[in-house]
Amino acid sequence: MKKKKTEADKALDEFFNSFIAKQKAAGASPAELAVQGDDLIKKLMKRFYESALAGEMDDHLGYEKGQRKGGKRGNVRNGTSRKKAISEHGELEVAIPRDRKGEFEPKILPKNQRR
């Protein structure tokens, strides 16, 4: 039984097919496509992790970025810090959000873990 593709799956397929077609039209060899593909995958993974971490921070604080939280004594965002994570495609430098009270514990990339 074949799984039906969602709109997101179709959009990703279209994006990757377009990327490969553009690279082939520019004269890229299969080896160059592999290198560029790995770079693209690393960029997508970085974006995914940063989006997921931002969602975790929203959940932790109880409000989305850009919204005003009631009261001045509550915990608020306090910038980001960099973390180098190692994946099967190489090293990624990910921006980890911080909170003022230092209570945020990321689940997707836990503290003191690089892999």
N, C-alpha and C. Protein backbone atom coordinates (compact mmCIF):
# COMPACT_ATOMS: atom_id res chain seq x y z
N MET A 1 0.84 -1.17 0.00
CA MET A 1 0.00 0.00 0.00
C MET A 1 0.89 1.24 0.00
N LYS A 2 0.66 2.11 -0.94
CA LYS A 2 1.47 3.30 -1.09
C LYS A 2 0.88 4.45 -0.28
N LYS A 3 1.75 5.17 0.43
CA LYS A 3 1.32 6.30 1.25
C LYS A 3 1.05 7.50 0.35
N LYS A 4 -0.05 8.19 0.60
CA LYS A 4 -0.37 9.41 -0.15
C LYS A 4 0.56 10.53 0.28
N LYS A 5 1.01 11.29 -0.69
CA LYS A 5 1.90 12.42 -0.38
C LYS A 5 1.08 13.61 0.11
N THR A 6 1.59 14.22 1.16
CA THR A 6 0.96 15.43 1.67
C THR A 6 1.42 16.62 0.84
N GLU A 7 0.83 17.76 1.07
CA GLU A 7 1.24 18.98 0.36
C GLU A 7 2.68 19.34 0.68
N ALA A 8 3.09 19.11 1.93
CA ALA A 8 4.47 19.40 2.34
C ALA A 8 5.45 18.48 1.61
N ASP A 9 5.09 17.20 1.48
CA ASP A 9 5.94 16.25 0.75
C ASP A 9 6.07 16.67 -0.71
N LYS A 10 4.96 17.06 -1.32
CA LYS A 10 4.98 17.50 -2.71
C LYS A 10 5.85 18.74 -2.88
N ALA A 11 5.75 19.68 -1.95
CA ALA A 11 6.55 20.91 -2.02
C ALA A 11 8.04 20.59 -1.89
N LEU A 12 8.39 19.67 -0.97
CA LEU A 12 9.80 19.28 -0.82
C LEU A 12 10.32 18.58 -2.08
N ASP A 13 9.51 17.69 -2.65
CA ASP A 13 9.91 17.02 -3.89
C ASP A 13 10.16 18.04 -4.99
N GLU A 14 9.26 18.99 -5.11
CA GLU A 14 9.41 20.03 -6.13
C GLU A 14 10.67 20.87 -5.90
N PHE A 15 10.93 21.20 -4.64
CA PHE A 15 12.12 21.98 -4.30
C PHE A 15 13.40 21.23 -4.68
N PHE A 16 13.49 19.95 -4.28
CA PHE A 16 14.70 19.18 -4.57
C PHE A 16 14.86 18.92 -6.07
N ASN A 17 13.77 18.62 -6.75
CA ASN A 17 13.85 18.40 -8.20
C ASN A 17 14.31 19.67 -8.91
N SER A 18 13.80 20.81 -8.48
CA SER A 18 14.21 22.10 -9.05
C SER A 18 15.68 22.38 -8.78
N PHE A 19 16.13 22.09 -7.56
CA PHE A 19 17.53 22.31 -7.19
C PHE A 19 18.45 21.47 -8.06
N ILE A 20 18.12 20.18 -8.21
CA ILE A 20 18.95 19.28 -9.01
C ILE A 20 18.95 19.70 -10.48
N ALA A 21 17.79 20.08 -11.00
CA ALA A 21 17.71 20.51 -12.40
C ALA A 21 18.55 21.76 -12.64
N LYS A 22 18.51 22.71 -11.71
CA LYS A 22 19.32 23.94 -11.86
C LYS A 22 20.81 23.62 -11.82
N GLN A 23 21.21 22.72 -10.93
CA GLN A 23 22.62 22.36 -10.82
C GLN A 23 23.11 21.62 -12.07
N LYS A 24 22.28 20.72 -12.60
CA LYS A 24 22.63 20.01 -13.83
C LYS A 24 22.73 20.97 -15.01
N ALA A 25 21.80 21.94 -15.07
CA ALA A 25 21.82 22.93 -16.15
C ALA A 25 23.08 23.79 -16.08
N ALA A 26 23.60 23.99 -14.88
CA ALA A 26 24.82 24.78 -14.70
C ALA A 26 26.07 23.94 -14.95
N GLY A 27 25.89 22.64 -15.28
CA GLY A 27 27.02 21.79 -15.62
C GLY A 27 27.63 21.05 -14.45
N ALA A 28 26.89 20.87 -13.39
CA ALA A 28 27.42 20.17 -12.21
C ALA A 28 27.55 18.67 -12.49
N SER A 29 28.67 18.10 -12.06
CA SER A 29 28.88 16.66 -12.21
C SER A 29 28.17 15.94 -11.07
N PRO A 30 28.00 14.61 -11.18
CA PRO A 30 27.38 13.86 -10.07
C PRO A 30 28.12 14.04 -8.74
N ALA A 31 29.46 14.12 -8.79
CA ALA A 31 30.23 14.32 -7.55
C ALA A 31 29.94 15.69 -6.96
N GLU A 32 29.85 16.71 -7.80
CA GLU A 32 29.54 18.06 -7.31
C GLU A 32 28.12 18.11 -6.75
N LEU A 33 27.19 17.40 -7.39
CA LEU A 33 25.82 17.35 -6.88
C LEU A 33 25.78 16.73 -5.49
N ALA A 34 26.59 15.70 -5.26
CA ALA A 34 26.63 15.05 -3.95
C ALA A 34 27.14 16.02 -2.89
N VAL A 35 28.20 16.76 -3.20
CA VAL A 35 28.75 17.73 -2.25
C VAL A 35 27.74 18.84 -1.98
N GLN A 36 27.13 19.36 -3.03
CA GLN A 36 26.15 20.43 -2.86
C GLN A 36 24.92 19.91 -2.13
N GLY A 37 24.56 18.65 -2.38
CA GLY A 37 23.42 18.05 -1.68
C GLY A 37 23.68 17.93 -0.20
N ASP A 38 24.90 17.52 0.18
CA ASP A 38 25.25 17.44 1.60
C ASP A 38 25.19 18.81 2.26
N ASP A 39 25.67 19.84 1.55
CA ASP A 39 25.62 21.19 2.08
C ASP A 39 24.17 21.65 2.27
N LEU A 40 23.34 21.32 1.30
CA LEU A 40 21.93 21.68 1.38
C LEU A 40 21.26 20.96 2.55
N ILE A 41 21.58 19.69 2.73
CA ILE A 41 21.01 18.92 3.84
C ILE A 41 21.44 19.52 5.18
N LYS A 42 22.71 19.91 5.29
CA LYS A 42 23.19 20.53 6.53
C LYS A 42 22.43 21.82 6.83
N LYS A 43 22.20 22.64 5.79
CA LYS A 43 21.46 23.89 5.98
C LYS A 43 20.02 23.62 6.41
N LEU A 44 19.39 22.62 5.80
CA LEU A 44 18.02 22.28 6.17
C LEU A 44 17.96 21.75 7.61
N MET A 45 18.94 20.93 7.99
CA MET A 45 18.98 20.41 9.36
C MET A 45 19.15 21.54 10.37
N LYS A 46 20.02 22.49 10.05
CA LYS A 46 20.25 23.64 10.93
C LYS A 46 18.95 24.41 11.12
N ARG A 47 18.25 24.69 10.02
CA ARG A 47 16.98 25.42 10.09
C ARG A 47 15.95 24.64 10.90
N PHE A 48 15.91 23.31 10.68
CA PHE A 48 14.96 22.48 11.41
C PHE A 48 15.22 22.55 12.91
N TYR A 49 16.48 22.35 13.31
CA TYR A 49 16.81 22.37 14.74
C TYR A 49 16.50 23.73 15.36
N GLU A 50 16.85 24.82 14.67
CA GLU A 50 16.60 26.15 15.22
C GLU A 50 15.11 26.43 15.33
N SER A 51 14.31 25.97 14.35
CA SER A 51 12.85 26.15 14.43
C SER A 51 12.27 25.34 15.58
N ALA A 52 12.73 24.09 15.72
CA ALA A 52 12.23 23.24 16.79
C ALA A 52 12.60 23.82 18.16
N LEU A 53 13.82 24.32 18.29
CA LEU A 53 14.25 24.92 19.56
C LEU A 53 13.45 26.18 19.89
N ALA A 54 13.13 26.97 18.86
CA ALA A 54 12.31 28.16 19.08
C ALA A 54 10.91 27.75 19.55
N GLY A 55 10.38 26.67 19.00
CA GLY A 55 9.09 26.15 19.44
C GLY A 55 9.14 25.65 20.87
N GLU A 56 10.24 24.99 21.23
CA GLU A 56 10.41 24.54 22.61
C GLU A 56 10.46 25.72 23.56
N MET A 57 11.15 26.80 23.15
CA MET A 57 11.23 27.99 23.99
C MET A 57 9.85 28.63 24.14
N ASP A 58 9.08 28.70 23.05
CA ASP A 58 7.72 29.24 23.12
C ASP A 58 6.91 28.45 24.15
N ASP A 59 7.01 27.12 24.09
CA ASP A 59 6.28 26.26 25.01
C ASP A 59 6.76 26.46 26.45
N HIS A 60 8.07 26.57 26.62
CA HIS A 60 8.65 26.75 27.96
C HIS A 60 8.19 28.06 28.60
N LEU A 61 8.21 29.14 27.82
CA LEU A 61 7.85 30.45 28.37
C LEU A 61 6.34 30.69 28.39
N GLY A 62 5.61 30.00 27.52
CA GLY A 62 4.15 30.16 27.50
C GLY A 62 3.66 31.26 26.59
N TYR A 63 4.52 31.81 25.75
CA TYR A 63 4.11 32.82 24.77
C TYR A 63 5.09 32.79 23.61
N GLU A 64 4.62 33.26 22.44
CA GLU A 64 5.45 33.25 21.25
C GLU A 64 6.37 34.47 21.19
N LYS A 65 7.43 34.33 20.44
CA LYS A 65 8.38 35.43 20.27
C LYS A 65 7.66 36.62 19.65
N GLY A 66 7.90 37.79 20.18
CA GLY A 66 7.27 39.01 19.68
C GLY A 66 6.03 39.40 20.44
N GLN A 67 5.46 38.50 21.22
CA GLN A 67 4.29 38.84 22.03
C GLN A 67 4.76 39.39 23.37
N ARG A 68 3.98 40.24 23.94
CA ARG A 68 4.29 40.78 25.26
C ARG A 68 3.66 39.90 26.32
N LYS A 69 4.47 39.52 27.28
CA LYS A 69 3.96 38.71 28.38
C LYS A 69 3.58 39.64 29.52
N GLY A 70 2.49 39.31 30.19
CA GLY A 70 2.05 40.13 31.32
C GLY A 70 3.04 40.09 32.47
N GLY A 71 3.29 41.22 33.09
CA GLY A 71 4.19 41.27 34.23
C GLY A 71 5.64 41.40 33.81
N LYS A 72 6.42 42.17 34.58
CA LYS A 72 7.82 42.39 34.23
C LYS A 72 8.75 41.41 34.93
N ARG A 73 8.25 40.64 35.87
CA ARG A 73 9.12 39.76 36.65
C ARG A 73 9.17 38.34 36.09
N GLY A 74 8.42 38.07 35.03
CA GLY A 74 8.40 36.73 34.45
C GLY A 74 9.69 36.40 33.71
N ASN A 75 9.84 35.17 33.36
CA ASN A 75 11.00 34.72 32.61
C ASN A 75 10.83 35.15 31.15
N VAL A 76 11.88 35.65 30.54
CA VAL A 76 11.81 36.13 29.16
C VAL A 76 13.00 35.59 28.36
N ARG A 77 12.92 35.74 27.05
CA ARG A 77 14.02 35.34 26.18
C ARG A 77 15.24 36.22 26.47
N ASN A 78 16.42 35.61 26.26
CA ASN A 78 17.64 36.35 26.53
C ASN A 78 18.70 35.98 25.48
N GLY A 79 18.33 36.09 24.21
CA GLY A 79 19.28 35.85 23.13
C GLY A 79 19.50 34.38 22.85
N THR A 80 20.63 34.09 22.22
CA THR A 80 20.98 32.71 21.86
C THR A 80 22.44 32.45 22.17
N SER A 81 22.77 31.19 22.20
CA SER A 81 24.17 30.79 22.30
C SER A 81 24.41 29.76 21.19
N ARG A 82 25.65 29.61 20.80
CA ARG A 82 26.00 28.69 19.72
C ARG A 82 26.37 27.32 20.28
N LYS A 83 25.99 26.30 19.53
CA LYS A 83 26.33 24.94 19.91
C LYS A 83 26.72 24.20 18.64
N LYS A 84 27.82 23.48 18.70
CA LYS A 84 28.24 22.66 17.57
C LYS A 84 27.71 21.25 17.78
N ALA A 85 26.88 20.82 16.85
CA ALA A 85 26.32 19.48 16.89
C ALA A 85 26.92 18.66 15.75
N ILE A 86 27.11 17.39 15.97
CA ILE A 86 27.69 16.51 14.96
C ILE A 86 26.60 15.58 14.44
N SER A 87 26.42 15.59 13.11
CA SER A 87 25.44 14.71 12.49
C SER A 87 26.16 13.81 11.49
N GLU A 88 25.42 12.94 10.85
CA GLU A 88 26.03 12.05 9.86
C GLU A 88 26.48 12.82 8.62
N HIS A 89 26.03 14.06 8.47
CA HIS A 89 26.42 14.89 7.33
C HIS A 89 27.50 15.90 7.69
N GLY A 90 27.99 15.87 8.89
CA GLY A 90 29.05 16.78 9.31
C GLY A 90 28.65 17.60 10.52
N GLU A 91 29.44 18.62 10.79
CA GLU A 91 29.24 19.47 11.96
C GLU A 91 28.29 20.62 11.62
N LEU A 92 27.36 20.90 12.53
CA LEU A 92 26.40 21.99 12.39
C LEU A 92 26.59 22.96 13.53
N GLU A 93 26.49 24.24 13.26
CA GLU A 93 26.51 25.23 14.33
C GLU A 93 25.09 25.77 14.47
N VAL A 94 24.47 25.46 15.60
CA VAL A 94 23.06 25.76 15.84
C VAL A 94 22.94 26.84 16.91
N ALA A 95 21.99 27.76 16.71
CA ALA A 95 21.72 28.81 17.70
C ALA A 95 20.70 28.27 18.71
N ILE A 96 21.11 28.15 19.95
CA ILE A 96 20.26 27.65 21.03
C ILE A 96 19.69 28.85 21.79
N PRO A 97 18.35 28.97 21.88
CA PRO A 97 17.78 30.11 22.61
C PRO A 97 18.02 29.99 24.11
N ARG A 98 18.13 31.15 24.76
CA ARG A 98 18.31 31.20 26.22
C ARG A 98 17.15 31.95 26.84
N ASP A 99 16.93 31.67 28.11
CA ASP A 99 15.95 32.46 28.86
C ASP A 99 16.68 33.15 30.01
N ARG A 100 16.08 34.19 30.51
CA ARG A 100 16.72 35.03 31.51
C ARG A 100 17.07 34.26 32.78
N LYS A 101 16.18 33.36 33.20
CA LYS A 101 16.42 32.63 34.45
C LYS A 101 17.28 31.38 34.27
N GLY A 102 17.61 31.02 33.03
CA GLY A 102 18.45 29.85 32.78
C GLY A 102 17.76 28.52 33.06
N GLU A 103 16.44 28.48 32.95
CA GLU A 103 15.68 27.27 33.25
C GLU A 103 15.37 26.44 32.00
N PHE A 104 15.64 26.97 30.82
CA PHE A 104 15.29 26.27 29.58
C PHE A 104 16.19 25.06 29.36
N GLU A 105 15.58 23.89 29.22
CA GLU A 105 16.28 22.63 28.97
C GLU A 105 15.80 22.10 27.62
N PRO A 106 16.58 22.29 26.55
CA PRO A 106 16.14 21.81 25.23
C PRO A 106 16.04 20.29 25.19
N LYS A 107 15.02 19.79 24.49
CA LYS A 107 14.81 18.35 24.39
C LYS A 107 15.44 17.79 23.11
N ILE A 108 15.35 18.55 22.01
CA ILE A 108 15.81 18.03 20.73
C ILE A 108 17.34 17.99 20.64
N LEU A 109 18.02 18.94 21.24
CA LEU A 109 19.47 18.94 21.36
C LEU A 109 19.82 19.20 22.84
N PRO A 110 19.76 18.15 23.66
CA PRO A 110 19.97 18.35 25.11
C PRO A 110 21.33 18.97 25.44
N LYS A 111 21.37 19.61 26.59
CA LYS A 111 22.62 20.20 27.05
C LYS A 111 23.67 19.10 27.22
N ASN A 112 24.92 19.47 26.98
CA ASN A 112 26.08 18.58 27.13
C ASN A 112 26.09 17.38 26.18
N GLN A 113 25.32 17.46 25.10
CA GLN A 113 25.35 16.40 24.08
C GLN A 113 25.63 17.06 22.73
N ARG A 114 26.48 16.42 21.93
CA ARG A 114 26.82 16.97 20.63
C ARG A 114 26.29 16.14 19.47
N ARG A 115 25.90 14.92 19.73
CA ARG A 115 25.46 14.03 18.64
C ARG A 115 23.96 13.83 18.70
